[in-house]
Amino acid sequence: MSMRNERPVSAEQINAALSALGAVPATDEEARSEGLQEGDRLRLLGNLLAKTELEITTATRLSEEGEIEDVLDTMLGWADQLGPDPGLAVNVLTNRLQRTAMQVSESEAEETPPGREASFAAAMTALYTFSAQLHADRGDIEGTRRALGGAEEALIDIMQGMHDLRVAIGDTAEEDEESAG
């Protein structure tokens, strides 16, 4: 399914929304002397997405009961905006999983910590598994196999990352002693 919007939101409209939310990003005045360009749209949309996610996060109650209700209310609003098109929902979810995987993998460390590595692999497992189902629904056996292969590799990476994290905190030595005893 193509995701072409016949009337895409302009960079100026996105900036106006950010301004209304008090979240206009800092800009380099020299670089922006010509004003906003259509090439700025994705970065501005990323700013708007971050502001929206922060608002949802701060509005969500942290109690077990309240949190579920808040998440469900948010999901209803999400579904209202997307409408009844399941293909559109799939594209949005796929894009979210890709962003999540990329954001989880970002680390200041020279080597990615094992917990982050496992979390990245978990997001990729979800993405590949979702993709496998989409291919299967279309009758694309080879596409399904490729996606399942990616999901299986990512699952192995999850287990390896979890094991590496256990080793880092010293758990494996205790487990080895318990199983030997």
Protein backbone atom coordinates (compact mmCIF):
# COMPACT_ATOMS: atom_id res chain seq x y z
CA MET A 1 0.00 0.00 0.00
CA SER A 2 1.28 3.43 -0.91
CA MET A 3 1.32 6.08 1.77
CA ARG A 4 1.03 9.14 -0.50
CA ASN A 5 -1.01 11.91 1.05
CA GLU A 6 -2.75 14.07 -1.54
CA ARG A 7 -2.63 17.07 0.79
CA PRO A 8 0.48 16.67 2.96
CA VAL A 9 0.94 19.00 5.89
CA SER A 10 3.46 21.71 5.03
CA ALA A 11 6.55 22.60 7.04
CA GLU A 12 4.85 25.88 7.98
CA GLN A 13 1.75 24.07 9.27
CA ILE A 14 3.86 21.67 11.34
CA ASN A 15 5.85 24.58 12.76
CA ALA A 16 2.56 26.34 13.63
CA ALA A 17 1.39 23.22 15.49
CA LEU A 18 4.69 23.09 17.38
CA SER A 19 4.36 26.78 18.17
CA ALA A 20 0.82 26.25 19.50
CA LEU A 21 2.19 23.52 21.77
CA GLY A 22 5.08 25.71 22.93
CA ALA A 23 7.57 23.30 21.37
CA VAL A 24 9.19 25.14 18.48
CA PRO A 25 12.64 23.61 18.00
CA ALA A 26 15.72 25.77 18.29
CA THR A 27 17.04 26.63 14.86
CA ASP A 28 20.30 27.90 13.48
CA GLU A 29 19.32 31.42 12.39
CA GLU A 30 21.95 31.48 9.65
CA ALA A 31 20.72 28.17 8.21
CA ARG A 32 17.08 29.33 8.43
CA SER A 33 17.52 32.79 6.90
CA GLU A 34 15.33 31.68 3.97
CA GLY A 35 12.60 30.44 6.30
CA LEU A 36 11.24 26.93 6.57
CA GLN A 37 11.69 24.70 3.56
CA GLU A 38 9.73 21.61 2.58
CA GLY A 39 12.96 19.69 3.25
CA ASP A 40 12.44 20.55 6.94
CA ARG A 41 9.14 18.60 7.10
CA LEU A 42 10.47 15.28 8.40
CA ARG A 43 12.60 16.87 11.10
CA LEU A 44 9.66 19.03 12.18
CA LEU A 45 7.37 16.00 12.13
CA GLY A 46 9.91 14.22 14.35
CA ASN A 47 9.73 17.17 16.76
CA LEU A 48 5.94 17.04 16.73
CA LEU A 49 5.98 13.28 17.27
CA ALA A 50 8.35 13.64 20.23
CA LYS A 51 6.18 16.38 21.76
CA THR A 52 3.08 14.20 21.31
CA GLU A 53 4.78 11.16 22.84
CA LEU A 54 6.00 13.24 25.78
CA GLU A 55 2.47 14.59 26.33
CA ILE A 56 1.04 11.05 26.25
CA THR A 57 3.74 9.83 28.62
CA THR A 58 3.15 12.57 31.17
CA ALA A 59 -0.64 12.20 30.89
CA THR A 60 -0.58 8.43 31.43
CA ARG A 61 -1.21 7.41 35.03
CA LEU A 62 1.36 5.09 36.52
CA SER A 63 -1.07 2.93 38.47
CA GLU A 64 -1.76 -0.49 37.03
CA GLU A 65 -5.49 0.16 36.58
CA GLY A 66 -5.24 3.75 35.42
CA GLU A 67 -2.39 3.12 33.03
CA ILE A 68 -4.37 0.51 31.07
CA GLU A 69 -7.37 2.86 30.79
CA ASP A 70 -5.13 5.71 29.64
CA VAL A 71 -3.40 3.54 27.04
CA LEU A 72 -6.78 2.34 25.75
CA ASP A 73 -8.04 5.94 25.48
CA THR A 74 -4.90 6.86 23.55
CA MET A 75 -5.41 3.85 21.26
CA LEU A 76 -9.00 4.92 20.58
CA GLY A 77 -7.79 8.36 19.54
CA TRP A 78 -5.14 6.74 17.33
CA ALA A 79 -7.77 4.54 15.66
CA ASP A 80 -10.10 7.52 15.21
CA GLN A 81 -7.39 9.39 13.31
CA LEU A 82 -6.39 6.47 11.06
CA GLY A 83 -9.91 5.35 10.31
CA PRO A 84 -10.97 1.88 9.18
CA ASP A 85 -8.09 1.25 6.74
CA PRO A 86 -6.11 -1.76 8.08
CA GLY A 87 -3.38 -1.24 5.48
CA LEU A 88 -2.74 2.25 6.76
CA ALA A 89 -2.53 0.97 10.34
CA VAL A 90 0.00 -1.67 9.26
CA ASN A 91 2.18 0.96 7.57
CA VAL A 92 2.08 3.21 10.65
CA LEU A 93 2.91 0.31 12.98
CA THR A 94 5.77 -0.85 10.76
CA ASN A 95 7.20 2.65 10.70
CA ARG A 96 6.90 2.89 14.49
CA LEU A 97 8.71 -0.43 14.99
CA GLN A 98 11.53 0.75 12.71
CA ARG A 99 11.86 4.03 14.65
CA THR A 100 11.75 2.20 17.97
CA ALA A 101 14.51 -0.19 16.90
CA MET A 102 16.71 2.71 15.75
CA GLN A 103 16.08 4.74 18.91
CA VAL A 104 16.75 1.79 21.21
CA SER A 105 20.04 1.04 19.49
CA GLU A 106 21.38 4.59 19.95
CA SER A 107 24.05 4.63 22.61
CA GLU A 108 26.82 6.97 23.63
CA ALA A 109 28.97 3.98 24.53
CA GLU A 110 31.66 2.74 22.16
CA GLU A 111 30.09 -0.71 22.34
CA THR A 112 26.32 -1.09 22.60
CA PRO A 113 25.38 -2.39 26.07
CA PRO A 114 23.88 -5.91 25.98
CA GLY A 115 20.49 -4.81 27.32
CA ARG A 116 20.16 -2.26 24.54
CA GLU A 117 21.32 -4.82 22.01
CA ALA A 118 18.66 -7.27 23.21
CA SER A 119 16.00 -4.54 23.18
CA PHE A 120 16.93 -3.58 19.62
CA ALA A 121 16.65 -7.24 18.63
CA ALA A 122 13.24 -7.48 20.33
CA ALA A 123 11.91 -4.55 18.28
CA MET A 124 13.38 -6.11 15.13
CA THR A 125 11.80 -9.47 16.04
CA ALA A 126 8.41 -7.74 16.21
CA LEU A 127 9.05 -5.98 12.89
CA TYR A 128 10.17 -9.15 11.10
CA THR A 129 7.33 -11.23 12.56
CA PHE A 130 4.79 -8.61 11.55
CA SER A 131 6.33 -8.54 8.08
CA ALA A 132 6.20 -12.33 7.87
CA GLN A 133 2.47 -12.29 8.59
CA LEU A 134 1.91 -9.62 5.95
CA HIS A 135 3.80 -11.68 3.36
CA ALA A 136 1.85 -14.79 4.37
CA ASP A 137 -1.45 -12.90 4.05
CA ARG A 138 -0.45 -11.98 0.48
CA GLY A 139 0.54 -15.55 -0.34
CA ASP A 140 4.22 -14.57 -0.70
CA ILE A 141 5.95 -17.71 0.58
CA GLU A 142 9.50 -16.53 -0.16
CA GLY A 143 8.89 -13.15 1.49
CA THR A 144 7.43 -14.97 4.51
CA ARG A 145 10.50 -17.20 4.73
CA ARG A 146 12.91 -14.25 4.51
CA ALA A 147 11.04 -12.34 7.21
CA LEU A 148 10.85 -15.41 9.46
CA GLY A 149 14.60 -15.89 9.00
CA GLY A 150 15.17 -12.29 10.13
CA ALA A 151 12.88 -12.84 13.12
CA GLU A 152 14.73 -16.01 14.09
CA GLU A 153 18.12 -14.27 13.86
CA ALA A 154 16.80 -11.41 15.97
CA LEU A 155 15.47 -13.89 18.56
CA ILE A 156 18.95 -15.38 18.84
CA ASP A 157 20.31 -11.84 19.35
CA ILE A 158 17.76 -11.27 22.15
CA MET A 159 18.89 -14.42 23.95
CA GLN A 160 22.57 -13.55 23.45
CA GLY A 161 22.05 -10.01 24.76
CA MET A 162 20.16 -11.29 27.81
CA HIS A 163 22.90 -13.84 28.48
CA ASP A 164 25.61 -11.19 28.10
CA LEU A 165 23.76 -8.95 30.56
CA ARG A 166 23.54 -11.83 33.06
CA VAL A 167 27.27 -12.39 32.66
CA ALA A 168 27.88 -8.68 33.21
CA ILE A 169 26.08 -8.77 36.57
CA GLY A 170 27.65 -12.06 37.59
CA ASP A 171 24.54 -14.25 37.49
CA THR A 172 25.95 -17.05 35.36
CA ALA A 173 28.58 -18.06 37.90
CA GLU A 174 25.87 -18.63 40.56
CA GLU A 175 23.70 -20.57 38.11
CA ASP A 176 26.64 -22.81 37.17
CA GLU A 177 27.37 -23.53 40.86
CA GLU A 178 23.69 -24.32 41.59
CA SER A 179 23.37 -26.71 38.66
CA ALA A 180 26.67 -28.46 39.60
CA GLY A 181 25.62 -28.83 43.26
